[in-house]
PDB file of N, CA and C in Angstrom:
ATOM      1  N   MET A   1      26.869   0.429  21.217  1.00  0.00           N
ATOM      2  CA  MET A   1      26.561   2.106  21.884  1.00  0.00           C
ATOM      3  C   MET A   1      25.781   1.629  22.515  1.00  0.00           C
ATOM      4  N   PHE A   2      25.542   1.170  23.183  1.00  0.00           N
ATOM      5  CA  PHE A   2      24.275   1.041  24.591  1.00  0.00           C
ATOM      6  C   PHE A   2      24.466  -0.561  25.225  1.00  0.00           C
ATOM      7  N   GLY A   3      25.767  -1.226  25.182  1.00  0.00           N
ATOM      8  CA  GLY A   3      25.969  -2.135  25.192  1.00  0.00           C
ATOM      9  C   GLY A   3      24.649  -3.169  25.768  1.00  0.00           C
ATOM     10  N   HIS A   4      24.751  -4.518  26.400  1.00  0.00           N
ATOM     11  CA  HIS A   4      24.053  -5.490  26.398  1.00  0.00           C
ATOM     12  C   HIS A   4      22.628  -5.010  27.740  1.00  0.00           C
ATOM     13  N   PHE A   5      21.794  -5.742  26.675  1.00  0.00           N
ATOM     14  CA  PHE A   5      20.747  -5.703  28.567  1.00  0.00           C
ATOM     15  C   PHE A   5      20.975  -6.645  29.191  1.00  0.00           C
ATOM     16  N   GLY A   6      20.617  -6.487  29.953  1.00  0.00           N
ATOM     17  CA  GLY A   6      20.503  -7.045  30.899  1.00  0.00           C
ATOM     18  C   GLY A   6      18.596  -7.574  30.886  1.00  0.00           C
ATOM     19  N   TRP A   7      18.756  -8.690  32.469  1.00  0.00           N
ATOM     20  CA  TRP A   7      17.272  -9.518  32.487  1.00  0.00           C
ATOM     21  C   TRP A   7      16.315  -8.817  33.351  1.00  0.00           C
ATOM     22  N   GLN A   8      16.242  -8.153  33.795  1.00  0.00           N
ATOM     23  CA  GLN A   8      15.951  -6.426  34.066  1.00  0.00           C
ATOM     24  C   GLN A   8      15.432  -5.716  33.215  1.00  0.00           C
ATOM     25  N   GLU A   9      15.907  -5.388  32.044  1.00  0.00           N
ATOM     26  CA  GLU A   9      15.556  -4.322  31.349  1.00  0.00           C
ATOM     27  C   GLU A   9      14.384  -5.323  30.060  1.00  0.00           C
ATOM     28  N   ILE A  10      15.369  -6.325  29.715  1.00  0.00           N
ATOM     29  CA  ILE A  10      14.351  -7.630  29.084  1.00  0.00           C
ATOM     30  C   ILE A  10      12.638  -7.768  29.995  1.00  0.00           C
ATOM     31  N   LEU A  11      12.974  -7.735  31.216  1.00  0.00           N
ATOM     32  CA  LEU A  11      11.734  -7.750  31.801  1.00  0.00           C
ATOM     33  C   LEU A  11      10.532  -6.689  31.184  1.00  0.00           C
ATOM     34  N   LEU A  12      11.682  -6.140  31.208  1.00  0.00           N
ATOM     35  CA  LEU A  12      10.370  -4.587  31.700  1.00  0.00           C
ATOM     36  C   LEU A  12       9.747  -4.514  30.234  1.00  0.00           C
ATOM     37  N   ILE A  13      10.976  -4.784  29.099  1.00  0.00           N
ATOM     38  CA  ILE A  13      10.514  -4.566  27.882  1.00  0.00           C
ATOM     39  C   ILE A  13       9.417  -5.536  27.284  1.00  0.00           C
ATOM     40  N   LEU A  14       9.192  -6.474  28.048  1.00  0.00           N
ATOM     41  CA  LEU A  14       8.615  -7.427  27.817  1.00  0.00           C
ATOM     42  C   LEU A  14       6.956  -6.898  28.529  1.00  0.00           C
ATOM     43  N   LEU A  15       6.973  -6.509  30.395  1.00  0.00           N
ATOM     44  CA  LEU A  15       5.853  -6.821  30.613  1.00  0.00           C
ATOM     45  C   LEU A  15       5.285  -5.202  30.089  1.00  0.00           C
ATOM     46  N   ILE A  16       5.563  -4.215  28.802  1.00  0.00           N
ATOM     47  CA  ILE A  16       5.051  -3.091  28.513  1.00  0.00           C
ATOM     48  C   ILE A  16       4.889  -3.985  26.957  1.00  0.00           C
ATOM     49  N   VAL A  17       5.040  -5.138  26.613  1.00  0.00           N
ATOM     50  CA  VAL A  17       4.813  -5.417  25.670  1.00  0.00           C
ATOM     51  C   VAL A  17       3.381  -6.094  25.528  1.00  0.00           C
ATOM     52  N   ILE A  18       2.982  -7.001  26.956  1.00  0.00           N
ATOM     53  CA  ILE A  18       2.350  -7.727  27.869  1.00  0.00           C
ATOM     54  C   ILE A  18       0.822  -6.335  27.708  1.00  0.00           C
ATOM     55  N   ILE A  19       1.096  -5.041  28.141  1.00  0.00           N
ATOM     56  CA  ILE A  19       0.432  -4.100  28.697  1.00  0.00           C
ATOM     57  C   ILE A  19      -0.419  -3.461  27.778  1.00  0.00           C
ATOM     58  N   LEU A  20       0.812  -3.575  26.027  1.00  0.00           N
ATOM     59  CA  LEU A  20       0.428  -2.927  25.081  1.00  0.00           C
ATOM     60  C   LEU A  20      -1.069  -3.056  24.078  1.00  0.00           C
ATOM     61  N   PHE A  21       0.226  -4.871  24.275  1.00  0.00           N
ATOM     62  CA  PHE A  21      -1.138  -5.417  22.739  1.00  0.00           C
ATOM     63  C   PHE A  21      -2.159  -6.851  23.607  1.00  0.00           C
ATOM     64  N   GLY A  22      -1.646  -7.496  24.955  1.00  0.00           N
ATOM     65  CA  GLY A  22      -2.381  -8.204  25.686  1.00  0.00           C
ATOM     66  C   GLY A  22      -1.652  -9.422  25.656  1.00  0.00           C
ATOM     67  N   ALA A  23      -1.761 -10.455  25.962  1.00  0.00           N
ATOM     68  CA  ALA A  23      -0.898 -11.418  25.761  1.00  0.00           C
ATOM     69  C   ALA A  23      -1.701 -12.411  25.024  1.00  0.00           C
ATOM     70  N   SER A  24      -2.946 -13.183  24.227  1.00  0.00           N
ATOM     71  CA  SER A  24      -2.811 -13.378  23.965  1.00  0.00           C
ATOM     72  C   SER A  24      -2.952 -13.263  22.236  1.00  0.00           C
ATOM     73  N   ARG A  25      -2.349 -11.844  22.351  1.00  0.00           N
ATOM     74  CA  ARG A  25      -2.212 -11.279  21.185  1.00  0.00           C
ATOM     75  C   ARG A  25      -0.736 -11.309  20.702  1.00  0.00           C
ATOM     76  N   ILE A  26      -0.286 -11.987  21.499  1.00  0.00           N
ATOM     77  CA  ILE A  26       1.182 -11.673  20.910  1.00  0.00           C
ATOM     78  C   ILE A  26       1.995 -12.712  19.885  1.00  0.00           C
ATOM     79  N   PRO A  27       1.293 -14.199  20.218  1.00  0.00           N
ATOM     80  CA  PRO A  27       1.940 -16.139  19.649  1.00  0.00           C
ATOM     81  C   PRO A  27       1.667 -15.133  17.974  1.00  0.00           C
ATOM     82  N   SER A  28       0.258 -14.080  17.614  1.00  0.00           N
ATOM     83  CA  SER A  28       0.440 -13.931  16.548  1.00  0.00           C
ATOM     84  C   SER A  28       1.596 -12.861  15.601  1.00  0.00           C
ATOM     85  N   ILE A  29       1.713 -12.295  16.492  1.00  0.00           N
ATOM     86  CA  ILE A  29       2.575 -10.704  16.569  1.00  0.00           C
ATOM     87  C   ILE A  29       3.838 -11.046  15.716  1.00  0.00           C
ATOM     88  N   MET A  30       3.982 -12.629  16.741  1.00  0.00           N
ATOM     89  CA  MET A  30       5.611 -13.330  16.634  1.00  0.00           C
ATOM     90  C   MET A  30       5.567 -13.301  15.396  1.00  0.00           C
ATOM     91  N   LYS A  31       3.890 -14.424  15.011  1.00  0.00           N
ATOM     92  CA  LYS A  31       3.826 -14.793  14.002  1.00  0.00           C
ATOM     93  C   LYS A  31       4.076 -14.231  12.400  1.00  0.00           C
ATOM     94  N   ALA A  32       3.732 -13.154  12.278  1.00  0.00           N
ATOM     95  CA  ALA A  32       3.498 -12.078  11.422  1.00  0.00           C
ATOM     96  C   ALA A  32       5.144 -11.552  11.781  1.00  0.00           C
ATOM     97  N   MET A  33       6.074 -11.224  12.797  1.00  0.00           N
ATOM     98  CA  MET A  33       7.132 -11.335  12.625  1.00  0.00           C
ATOM     99  C   MET A  33       7.719 -11.824  11.771  1.00  0.00           C
ATOM    100  N   GLY A  34       7.629 -12.932  12.468  1.00  0.00           N
ATOM    101  CA  GLY A  34       8.926 -14.643  11.682  1.00  0.00           C
ATOM    102  C   GLY A  34       8.593 -14.247   9.920  1.00  0.00           C
ATOM    103  N   LYS A  35       7.149 -14.024   9.675  1.00  0.00           N
ATOM    104  CA  LYS A  35       6.933 -14.318   8.113  1.00  0.00           C
ATOM    105  C   LYS A  35       7.610 -13.046   7.652  1.00  0.00           C
ATOM    106  N   GLY A  36       7.743 -12.083   8.137  1.00  0.00           N
ATOM    107  CA  GLY A  36       7.986 -10.932   8.038  1.00  0.00           C
ATOM    108  C   GLY A  36       9.741 -10.685   7.202  1.00  0.00           C
ATOM    109  N   VAL A  37      10.575 -11.551   8.803  1.00  0.00           N
ATOM    110  CA  VAL A  37      11.945 -11.492   8.057  1.00  0.00           C
ATOM    111  C   VAL A  37      11.825 -12.479   7.319  1.00  0.00           C
ATOM    112  N   LYS A  38      11.272 -14.121   7.183  1.00  0.00           N
ATOM    113  CA  LYS A  38      11.281 -14.794   6.197  1.00  0.00           C
ATOM    114  C   LYS A  38      11.576 -14.543   4.609  1.00  0.00           C
ATOM    115  N   GLU A  39      10.247 -13.501   4.713  1.00  0.00           N
ATOM    116  CA  GLU A  39       9.889 -13.015   2.917  1.00  0.00           C
ATOM    117  C   GLU A  39      11.643 -12.117   2.975  1.00  0.00           C
ATOM    118  N   PHE A  40      11.521 -11.023   4.328  1.00  0.00           N
ATOM    119  CA  PHE A  40      12.664 -10.177   3.097  1.00  0.00           C
ATOM    120  C   PHE A  40      14.168 -11.059   2.949  1.00  0.00           C
ATOM    121  N   LYS A  41      14.254 -11.650   4.103  1.00  0.00           N
ATOM    122  CA  LYS A  41      14.993 -13.270   3.474  1.00  0.00           C
ATOM    123  C   LYS A  41      15.380 -13.609   2.485  1.00  0.00           C
ATOM    124  N   LYS A  42      14.269 -13.891   2.132  1.00  0.00           N
ATOM    125  CA  LYS A  42      14.231 -14.384   0.744  1.00  0.00           C
ATOM    126  C   LYS A  42      13.481 -13.680  -0.469  1.00  0.00           C
ATOM    127  N   GLY A  43      13.456 -12.083  -0.567  1.00  0.00           N
ATOM    128  CA  GLY A  43      14.089 -11.593  -0.700  1.00  0.00           C
ATOM    129  C   GLY A  43      15.120 -10.721  -1.444  1.00  0.00           C
ATOM    130  N   ILE A  44      15.869 -10.790  -0.351  1.00  0.00           N
ATOM    131  CA  ILE A  44      17.319 -10.205  -0.399  1.00  0.00           C
ATOM    132  C   ILE A  44      18.031 -11.239  -1.238  1.00  0.00           C
ATOM    133  N   ASP A  45      18.030 -12.732  -0.935  1.00  0.00           N
ATOM    134  CA  ASP A  45      18.101 -14.029  -1.827  1.00  0.00           C
ATOM    135  C   ASP A  45      18.070 -13.573  -2.968  1.00  0.00           C
ATOM    136  N   SER A  46      17.040 -13.962  -2.924  1.00  0.00           N
ATOM    137  CA  SER A  46      16.588 -13.814  -5.434  1.00  0.00           C
ATOM    138  C   SER A  46      17.123 -12.524  -5.530  1.00  0.00           C
ATOM    139  N   GLU A  47      17.026 -11.217  -4.554  1.00  0.00           N
ATOM    140  CA  GLU A  47      18.413 -10.287  -6.307  1.00  0.00           C
ATOM    141  C   GLU A  47      19.173  -9.590  -5.805  1.00  0.00           C
ATOM    142  N   ASP A  48      20.258 -10.814  -4.741  1.00  0.00           N
ATOM    143  CA  ASP A  48      21.133 -11.080  -4.767  1.00  0.00           C
ATOM    144  C   ASP A  48      21.380 -12.644  -6.262  1.00  0.00           C
ATOM    145  N   ASN A  49      20.942 -13.572  -6.144  1.00  0.00           N
ATOM    146  CA  ASN A  49      20.844 -14.634  -7.251  1.00  0.00           C
ATOM    147  C   ASN A  49      20.620 -13.607  -8.604  1.00  0.00           C
ATOM    148  N   GLU A  50      19.699 -12.382  -8.980  1.00  0.00           N
ATOM    149  CA  GLU A  50      19.224 -11.537 -10.034  1.00  0.00           C
ATOM    150  C   GLU A  50      20.704 -10.892 -10.755  1.00  0.00           C
ATOM    151  N   GLU A  51      21.064 -10.448  -9.457  1.00  0.00           N
ATOM    152  CA  GLU A  51      22.806  -9.490  -9.811  1.00  0.00           C
ATOM    153  C   GLU A  51      23.735 -10.368 -10.246  1.00  0.00           C
ATOM    154  N   ILE A  52      23.576 -11.518  -9.700  1.00  0.00           N
ATOM    155  CA  ILE A  52      25.367 -13.223  -9.497  1.00  0.00           C
ATOM    156  C   ILE A  52      24.702 -12.790 -11.588  1.00  0.00           C
ATOM    157  N   GLU A  53      23.381 -13.468 -11.787  1.00  0.00           N
ATOM    158  CA  GLU A  53      23.386 -13.512 -13.198  1.00  0.00           C
ATOM    159  C   GLU A  53      23.202 -12.678 -13.935  1.00  0.00           C
ATOM    160  N   ASP A  54      23.365 -11.011 -14.207  1.00  0.00           N
ATOM    161  CA  ASP A  54      23.036  -9.526 -14.963  1.00  0.00           C
ATOM    162  C   ASP A  54      24.955  -9.707 -14.797  1.00  0.00           C
ATOM    163  N   THR A  55      25.248  -9.844 -14.438  1.00  0.00           N
ATOM    164  CA  THR A  55      27.334 -10.056 -13.842  1.00  0.00           C
ATOM    165  C   THR A  55      27.423 -11.465 -15.010  1.00  0.00           C
ATOM    166  N   LYS A  56      27.136 -12.434 -14.920  1.00  0.00           N
ATOM    167  CA  LYS A  56      27.538 -13.567 -15.876  1.00  0.00           C
ATOM    168  C   LYS A  56      26.997 -12.836 -16.702  1.00  0.00           C
ATOM    169  N   GLU A  57      25.963 -13.195 -17.066  1.00  0.00           N
ATOM    170  CA  GLU A  57      25.533 -12.379 -18.855  1.00  0.00           C
ATOM    171  C   GLU A  57      26.046 -11.198 -19.572  1.00  0.00           C
ATOM    172  N   LYS A  58      26.697 -10.052 -18.688  1.00  0.00           N
ATOM    173  CA  LYS A  58      27.423  -9.205 -19.193  1.00  0.00           C
ATOM    174  C   LYS A  58      28.812  -9.329 -19.957  1.00  0.00           C
ATOM    175  N   LYS A  59      29.669 -10.491 -18.897  1.00  0.00           N
ATOM    176  CA  LYS A  59      31.393 -11.364 -18.902  1.00  0.00           C
ATOM    177  C   LYS A  59      30.419 -11.913 -20.208  1.00  0.00           C
ATOM    178  N   ASP A  60      29.729 -12.970 -20.186  1.00  0.00           N
ATOM    179  CA  ASP A  60      29.836 -14.090 -21.701  1.00  0.00           C
ATOM    180  C   ASP A  60      29.907 -12.620 -22.743  1.00  0.00           C
ATOM    181  N   LYS A  61      29.049 -11.676 -22.890  1.00  0.00           N
ATOM    182  CA  LYS A  61      29.153 -10.741 -24.057  1.00  0.00           C
ATOM    183  C   LYS A  61      30.766 -10.395 -24.624  1.00  0.00           C
TER     184      LYS A  61
END
């Protein structure tokens, strides 16, 4: 839809983030985002496993 970002656009986005949050807070924000993504993936995997187990139980009956 929007195509690929060039290095100028990425640089502009990074500058805006630094202005909004400050350079010292960026590592903690990235760490929190990483934890969130990890928990999200973990939840998706466990949800998929539950659906597979439910399907197997229904077939066994």
